[in-house]
C-alpha cells in the first residue's frame, strides 16, 4: 500500500513538474516574442568608443553616459554623451587629458541638476579627476588627484551622492583601493584618514 501511495505521489509530482515546465516554456516564448532589439547608435570613434558604464536618465528625460576612448581630434581620451529616448545622439564633451581621460565610471545626477563623474587618468598630474558637467555639456574639473599622493589616484567607480550632499567614490591605484568623499564644490577628503598633503586643481 505504501509503495502504491509513493508511486502515485511520484507520478503526481512528475505531472505537476511537467505542467510547471510547460507553463514556464509558454511564458518564456511569449516574453521572447515580445522583445525587440534596436540599435539606437553606433559609435564611430569621433563620438567615443568603448562605453563601459551604464546610462543615467536625467530629470529632462535624456540619457547620459561616458566612453572610455574616442573623441574629437583623435585624442582617444573618452567622451560624455547624451541620447534621447528616441535615439538622437549628441557628444557633449571630448576629454583632452588636461581635464581628464578614460572615464570608466558612469555619471550621477546631483540634487543641483548637474552630472558628476570621475576620469581614471588625466588632469594636472595625470592621476585622474573628478568633474561635473551641466546637462548641456559645460564641464568643470573639480579635483585633480595629486602626484605626491600617488596611492590616492585612478578613480574608477561611479560616484554616489549621500543624503549629506557630498559625493563618495573609490580609487584603484595598483593594489591600493581608497575611499574618498568630495563636496559639490570640490573639497576632497581621504576617508582612510591619512595626513599626506592633498592638492586639488592647480
C-alpha atoms as a PDB file:
ATOM      1  CA  UNK A   1       0.000   0.000   0.000  1.00  0.00           C
ATOM      2  CA  UNK A   2       2.794   2.368   0.922  1.00  0.00           C
ATOM      3  CA  UNK A   3       4.658   1.637  -2.315  1.00  0.00           C
ATOM      4  CA  UNK A   4       1.490   2.316  -4.304  1.00  0.00           C
ATOM      5  CA  UNK A   5       0.954   5.615  -2.493  1.00  0.00           C
ATOM      6  CA  UNK A   6       4.588   6.617  -3.108  1.00  0.00           C
ATOM      7  CA  UNK A   7       4.257   5.718  -6.777  1.00  0.00           C
ATOM      8  CA  UNK A   8       1.139   7.878  -7.046  1.00  0.00           C
ATOM      9  CA  UNK A   9       2.957  10.766  -5.362  1.00  0.00           C
ATOM     10  CA  UNK A  10       5.886  10.443  -7.749  1.00  0.00           C
ATOM     11  CA  UNK A  11       3.509  10.413 -10.690  1.00  0.00           C
ATOM     12  CA  UNK A  12       1.653  13.449  -9.342  1.00  0.00           C
ATOM     13  CA  UNK A  13       4.927  15.305  -8.659  1.00  0.00           C
ATOM     14  CA  UNK A  14       6.151  14.497 -12.168  1.00  0.00           C
ATOM     15  CA  UNK A  15       2.856  15.698 -13.639  1.00  0.00           C
ATOM     16  CA  UNK A  16       2.963  18.944 -11.624  1.00  0.00           C
ATOM     17  CA  UNK A  17       6.559  19.455 -12.672  1.00  0.00           C
ATOM     18  CA  UNK A  18       5.646  18.861 -16.295  1.00  0.00           C
ATOM     19  CA  UNK A  19       2.786  21.376 -16.070  1.00  0.00           C
ATOM     20  CA  UNK A  20       5.095  23.934 -14.427  1.00  0.00           C
ATOM     21  CA  UNK A  21       7.707  23.392 -17.141  1.00  0.00           C
ATOM     22  CA  UNK A  22       5.062  23.758 -19.839  1.00  0.00           C
ATOM     23  CA  UNK A  23       3.758  26.999 -18.318  1.00  0.00           C
ATOM     24  CA  UNK A  24       7.311  28.341 -17.957  1.00  0.00           C
ATOM     25  CA  UNK A  25       8.010  27.476 -21.606  1.00  0.00           C
ATOM     26  CA  UNK A  26       4.829  29.236 -22.746  1.00  0.00           C
ATOM     27  CA  UNK A  27       5.553  32.367 -20.695  1.00  0.00           C
ATOM     28  CA  UNK A  28       9.178  32.388 -21.887  1.00  0.00           C
ATOM     29  CA  UNK A  29       8.086  32.055 -25.514  1.00  0.00           C
ATOM     30  CA  UNK A  30       5.583  34.904 -25.115  1.00  0.00           C
ATOM     31  CA  UNK A  31       8.218  37.098 -23.422  1.00  0.00           C
ATOM     32  CA  UNK A  32      10.775  36.344 -26.142  1.00  0.00           C
ATOM     33  CA  UNK A  33       8.280  37.141 -28.881  1.00  0.00           C
ATOM     34  CA  UNK A  34       7.514  40.481 -27.203  1.00  0.00           C
ATOM     35  CA  UNK A  35      11.168  41.545 -27.122  1.00  0.00           C
ATOM     36  CA  UNK A  36      12.685  43.537 -29.959  1.00  0.00           C
ATOM     37  CA  UNK A  37      16.293  44.693 -30.179  1.00  0.00           C
ATOM     38  CA  UNK A  38      17.009  48.047 -31.789  1.00  0.00           C
ATOM     39  CA  UNK A  39      20.409  49.663 -32.282  1.00  0.00           C
ATOM     40  CA  UNK A  40      19.900  53.341 -31.456  1.00  0.00           C
ATOM     41  CA  UNK A  41      23.514  54.438 -32.005  1.00  0.00           C
ATOM     42  CA  UNK A  42      26.808  53.007 -33.258  1.00  0.00           C
ATOM     43  CA  UNK A  43      29.976  54.782 -32.130  1.00  0.00           C
ATOM     44  CA  UNK A  44      32.415  55.762 -34.867  1.00  0.00           C
ATOM     45  CA  UNK A  45      35.402  56.856 -32.765  1.00  0.00           C
ATOM     46  CA  UNK A  46      34.944  60.595 -33.119  1.00  0.00           C
ATOM     47  CA  UNK A  47      31.955  60.412 -30.786  1.00  0.00           C
ATOM     48  CA  UNK A  48      33.563  57.861 -28.473  1.00  0.00           C
ATOM     49  CA  UNK A  49      34.491  54.201 -28.211  1.00  0.00           C
ATOM     50  CA  UNK A  50      34.057  51.508 -25.574  1.00  0.00           C
ATOM     51  CA  UNK A  51      31.156  52.707 -23.411  1.00  0.00           C
ATOM     52  CA  UNK A  52      31.918  50.748 -20.247  1.00  0.00           C
ATOM     53  CA  UNK A  53      29.346  52.023 -17.760  1.00  0.00           C
ATOM     54  CA  UNK A  54      25.600  52.265 -17.528  1.00  0.00           C
ATOM     55  CA  UNK A  55      23.499  55.239 -18.540  1.00  0.00           C
ATOM     56  CA  UNK A  56      21.725  57.623 -16.198  1.00  0.00           C
ATOM     57  CA  UNK A  57      18.396  59.179 -17.100  1.00  0.00           C
ATOM     58  CA  UNK A  58      18.348  62.812 -16.064  1.00  0.00           C
ATOM     59  CA  UNK A  59      15.348  64.805 -14.962  1.00  0.00           C
ATOM     60  CA  UNK A  60      14.943  66.155 -18.510  1.00  0.00           C
ATOM     61  CA  UNK A  61      14.277  62.602 -19.733  1.00  0.00           C
ATOM     62  CA  UNK A  62      17.501  62.240 -21.736  1.00  0.00           C
ATOM     63  CA  UNK A  63      20.081  59.517 -21.093  1.00  0.00           C
ATOM     64  CA  UNK A  64      23.706  60.388 -20.301  1.00  0.00           C
ATOM     65  CA  UNK A  65      26.852  58.293 -20.340  1.00  0.00           C
ATOM     66  CA  UNK A  66      30.618  58.143 -20.869  1.00  0.00           C
ATOM     67  CA  UNK A  67      33.014  56.296 -23.148  1.00  0.00           C
ATOM     68  CA  UNK A  68      36.494  55.093 -22.278  1.00  0.00           C
ATOM     69  CA  UNK A  69      38.040  56.177 -25.555  1.00  0.00           C
ATOM     70  CA  UNK A  70      37.453  58.103 -28.736  1.00  0.00           C
ATOM     71  CA  UNK A  71      36.623  61.750 -29.047  1.00  0.00           C
ATOM     72  CA  UNK A  72      37.239  64.678 -31.345  1.00  0.00           C
ATOM     73  CA  UNK A  73      40.609  65.293 -32.994  1.00  0.00           C
ATOM     74  CA  UNK A  74      41.631  61.693 -32.368  1.00  0.00           C
ATOM     75  CA  UNK A  75      42.542  62.381 -28.744  1.00  0.00           C
ATOM     76  CA  UNK A  76      41.139  58.978 -27.699  1.00  0.00           C
ATOM     77  CA  UNK A  77      40.624  60.142 -24.095  1.00  0.00           C
ATOM     78  CA  UNK A  78      36.905  59.445 -23.911  1.00  0.00           C
ATOM     79  CA  UNK A  79      33.700  61.401 -24.122  1.00  0.00           C
ATOM     80  CA  UNK A  80      30.496  62.387 -22.366  1.00  0.00           C
ATOM     81  CA  UNK A  81      27.355  61.966 -24.426  1.00  0.00           C
ATOM     82  CA  UNK A  82      23.602  62.169 -24.247  1.00  0.00           C
ATOM     83  CA  UNK A  83      20.973  60.323 -26.191  1.00  0.00           C
ATOM     84  CA  UNK A  84      17.264  60.923 -26.258  1.00  0.00           C
ATOM     85  CA  UNK A  85      14.858  58.010 -25.747  1.00  0.00           C
ATOM     86  CA  UNK A  86      14.134  58.345 -29.460  1.00  0.00           C
ATOM     87  CA  UNK A  87      17.798  57.854 -30.384  1.00  0.00           C
ATOM     88  CA  UNK A  88      19.086  61.363 -31.103  1.00  0.00           C
ATOM     89  CA  UNK A  89      22.766  61.293 -30.076  1.00  0.00           C
ATOM     90  CA  UNK A  90      24.931  64.256 -29.027  1.00  0.00           C
ATOM     91  CA  UNK A  91      28.574  64.302 -27.951  1.00  0.00           C
ATOM     92  CA  UNK A  92      28.677  66.779 -25.069  1.00  0.00           C
ATOM     93  CA  UNK A  93      32.388  66.721 -24.245  1.00  0.00           C
ATOM     94  CA  UNK A  94      35.616  65.178 -25.523  1.00  0.00           C
ATOM     95  CA  UNK A  95      38.301  64.872 -22.865  1.00  0.00           C
ATOM     96  CA  UNK A  96      41.679  66.349 -23.800  1.00  0.00           C
ATOM     97  CA  UNK A  97      43.677  64.826 -20.889  1.00  0.00           C
ATOM     98  CA  UNK A  98      44.067  68.180 -19.106  1.00  0.00           C
ATOM     99  CA  UNK A  99      40.503  67.810 -17.828  1.00  0.00           C
ATOM    100  CA  UNK A 100      40.610  64.015 -17.510  1.00  0.00           C
ATOM    101  CA  UNK A 101      40.931  60.861 -19.557  1.00  0.00           C
ATOM    102  CA  UNK A 102      39.310  57.432 -19.702  1.00  0.00           C
ATOM    103  CA  UNK A 103      36.132  57.961 -17.665  1.00  0.00           C
ATOM    104  CA  UNK A 104      35.435  54.399 -16.586  1.00  0.00           C
ATOM    105  CA  UNK A 105      32.596  55.023 -14.157  1.00  0.00           C
ATOM    106  CA  UNK A 106      29.182  56.315 -15.008  1.00  0.00           C
ATOM    107  CA  UNK A 107      27.567  59.645 -14.244  1.00  0.00           C
ATOM    108  CA  UNK A 108      25.295  60.578 -11.372  1.00  0.00           C
ATOM    109  CA  UNK A 109      22.843  63.460 -11.397  1.00  0.00           C
ATOM    110  CA  UNK A 110      23.145  65.545  -8.264  1.00  0.00           C
ATOM    111  CA  UNK A 111      20.362  67.310  -6.445  1.00  0.00           C
ATOM    112  CA  UNK A 112      21.550  70.560  -8.067  1.00  0.00           C
ATOM    113  CA  UNK A 113      20.774  69.106 -11.509  1.00  0.00           C
ATOM    114  CA  UNK A 114      24.372  68.764 -12.723  1.00  0.00           C
ATOM    115  CA  UNK A 115      26.051  65.464 -13.605  1.00  0.00           C
ATOM    116  CA  UNK A 116      29.129  64.347 -11.655  1.00  0.00           C
ATOM    117  CA  UNK A 117      31.724  61.767 -12.616  1.00  0.00           C
ATOM    118  CA  UNK A 118      35.339  60.669 -12.494  1.00  0.00           C
ATOM    119  CA  UNK A 119      38.080  60.126 -15.047  1.00  0.00           C
ATOM    120  CA  UNK A 120      40.643  57.435 -14.341  1.00  0.00           C
ATOM    121  CA  UNK A 121      43.586  59.421 -15.730  1.00  0.00           C
ATOM    122  CA  UNK A 122      44.418  62.877 -16.976  1.00  0.00           C
ATOM    123  CA  UNK A 123      44.219  66.106 -15.035  1.00  0.00           C
ATOM    124  CA  UNK A 124      47.047  68.282 -13.771  1.00  0.00           C
ATOM    125  CA  UNK A 125      49.049  65.304 -12.500  1.00  0.00           C
ATOM    126  CA  UNK A 126      47.674  62.587 -14.813  1.00  0.00           C
ATOM    127  CA  UNK A 127      46.282  60.699 -11.800  1.00  0.00           C
ATOM    128  CA  UNK A 128      42.618  61.247 -12.613  1.00  0.00           C
ATOM    129  CA  UNK A 129      39.952  63.857 -11.986  1.00  0.00           C
ATOM    130  CA  UNK A 130      36.540  64.466 -10.514  1.00  0.00           C
ATOM    131  CA  UNK A 131      34.362  66.607 -12.775  1.00  0.00           C
ATOM    132  CA  UNK A 132      30.881  67.963 -13.145  1.00  0.00           C
ATOM    133  CA  UNK A 133      29.005  68.869 -16.283  1.00  0.00           C
ATOM    134  CA  UNK A 134      25.780  70.625 -16.973  1.00  0.00           C
ATOM    135  CA  UNK A 135      23.114  68.803 -18.954  1.00  0.00           C
ATOM    136  CA  UNK A 136      24.144  70.886 -21.968  1.00  0.00           C
ATOM    137  CA  UNK A 137      27.802  69.843 -21.688  1.00  0.00           C
ATOM    138  CA  UNK A 138      29.691  72.624 -19.882  1.00  0.00           C
ATOM    139  CA  UNK A 139      32.400  70.725 -17.983  1.00  0.00           C
ATOM    140  CA  UNK A 140      34.213  71.847 -14.830  1.00  0.00           C
ATOM    141  CA  UNK A 141      37.147  69.948 -13.348  1.00  0.00           C
ATOM    142  CA  UNK A 142      36.532  69.898  -9.601  1.00  0.00           C
ATOM    143  CA  UNK A 143      39.602  67.989  -8.490  1.00  0.00           C
ATOM    144  CA  UNK A 144      42.850  66.640  -9.951  1.00  0.00           C
ATOM    145  CA  UNK A 145      44.405  63.858  -7.908  1.00  0.00           C
ATOM    146  CA  UNK A 146      47.894  64.915  -6.772  1.00  0.00           C
ATOM    147  CA  UNK A 147      51.110  63.328  -7.935  1.00  0.00           C
ATOM    148  CA  UNK A 148      52.737  63.403  -4.498  1.00  0.00           C
ATOM    149  CA  UNK A 149      49.978  61.229  -3.084  1.00  0.00           C
ATOM    150  CA  UNK A 150      50.085  58.513  -5.679  1.00  0.00           C
ATOM    151  CA  UNK A 151      48.076  55.856  -3.873  1.00  0.00           C
ATOM    152  CA  UNK A 152      45.047  58.142  -3.978  1.00  0.00           C
ATOM    153  CA  UNK A 153      44.764  58.017  -7.755  1.00  0.00           C
ATOM    154  CA  UNK A 154      42.886  56.447 -10.650  1.00  0.00           C
ATOM    155  CA  UNK A 155      39.236  56.902  -9.629  1.00  0.00           C
ATOM    156  CA  UNK A 156      37.238  54.229 -11.448  1.00  0.00           C
ATOM    157  CA  UNK A 157      33.951  53.858  -9.586  1.00  0.00           C
ATOM    158  CA  UNK A 158      30.740  55.750 -10.203  1.00  0.00           C
ATOM    159  CA  UNK A 159      30.167  58.424  -7.568  1.00  0.00           C
ATOM    160  CA  UNK A 160      27.281  58.232  -5.110  1.00  0.00           C
ATOM    161  CA  UNK A 161      25.700  61.347  -3.609  1.00  0.00           C
ATOM    162  CA  UNK A 162      24.785  60.806   0.023  1.00  0.00           C
ATOM    163  CA  UNK A 163      21.988  62.475   1.948  1.00  0.00           C
ATOM    164  CA  UNK A 164      24.523  64.964   3.346  1.00  0.00           C
ATOM    165  CA  UNK A 165      25.050  66.260  -0.205  1.00  0.00           C
ATOM    166  CA  UNK A 166      28.640  65.028  -0.540  1.00  0.00           C
ATOM    167  CA  UNK A 167      29.799  62.506  -3.117  1.00  0.00           C
ATOM    168  CA  UNK A 168      31.599  59.278  -2.279  1.00  0.00           C
ATOM    169  CA  UNK A 169      33.895  57.358  -4.594  1.00  0.00           C
ATOM    170  CA  UNK A 170      36.832  54.987  -4.813  1.00  0.00           C
ATOM    171  CA  UNK A 171      40.269  54.957  -6.367  1.00  0.00           C
ATOM    172  CA  UNK A 172      42.163  51.979  -7.701  1.00  0.00           C
ATOM    173  CA  UNK A 173      45.908  52.561  -7.867  1.00  0.00           C
ATOM    174  CA  UNK A 174      47.759  49.283  -8.312  1.00  0.00           C
ATOM    175  CA  UNK A 175      46.856  47.091  -5.345  1.00  0.00           C
ATOM    176  CA  UNK A 176      45.678  50.060  -3.267  1.00  0.00           C
ATOM    177  CA  UNK A 177      41.978  50.871  -3.048  1.00  0.00           C
ATOM    178  CA  UNK A 178      40.935  54.055  -1.288  1.00  0.00           C
ATOM    179  CA  UNK A 179      37.589  55.608  -0.486  1.00  0.00           C
ATOM    180  CA  UNK A 180      37.111  59.347  -0.614  1.00  0.00           C
ATOM    181  CA  UNK A 181      34.410  61.940  -0.334  1.00  0.00           C
ATOM    182  CA  UNK A 182      34.187  65.209  -2.195  1.00  0.00           C
ATOM    183  CA  UNK A 183      31.851  68.137  -1.782  1.00  0.00           C
ATOM    184  CA  UNK A 184      29.909  69.514  -4.764  1.00  0.00           C
ATOM    185  CA  UNK A 185      32.381  72.411  -4.696  1.00  0.00           C
ATOM    186  CA  UNK A 186      35.455  70.170  -4.983  1.00  0.00           C
ATOM    187  CA  UNK A 187      36.848  69.766  -1.444  1.00  0.00           C
ATOM    188  CA  UNK A 188      38.164  66.207  -1.210  1.00  0.00           C
ATOM    189  CA  UNK A 189      38.738  64.134   1.930  1.00  0.00           C
ATOM    190  CA  UNK A 190      40.650  60.861   2.035  1.00  0.00           C
ATOM    191  CA  UNK A 191      38.471  58.586   4.171  1.00  0.00           C
ATOM    192  CA  UNK A 192      41.465  56.481   5.169  1.00  0.00           C
ATOM    193  CA  UNK A 193      42.413  59.373   7.464  1.00  0.00           C
ATOM    194  CA  UNK A 194      45.958  59.845   6.169  1.00  0.00           C
ATOM    195  CA  UNK A 195      47.539  63.226   6.558  1.00  0.00           C
ATOM    196  CA  UNK A 196      49.676  63.356   3.421  1.00  0.00           C
ATOM    197  CA  UNK A 197      49.101  66.612   1.558  1.00  0.00           C
ATOM    198  CA  UNK A 198      46.208  66.722  -0.831  1.00  0.00           C
ATOM    199  CA  UNK A 199      46.088  69.249  -3.615  1.00  0.00           C
ATOM    200  CA  UNK A 200      43.148  69.958  -5.832  1.00  0.00           C
ATOM    201  CA  UNK A 201      43.071  71.728  -9.146  1.00  0.00           C
ATOM    202  CA  UNK A 202      46.185  73.829  -9.610  1.00  0.00           C
END
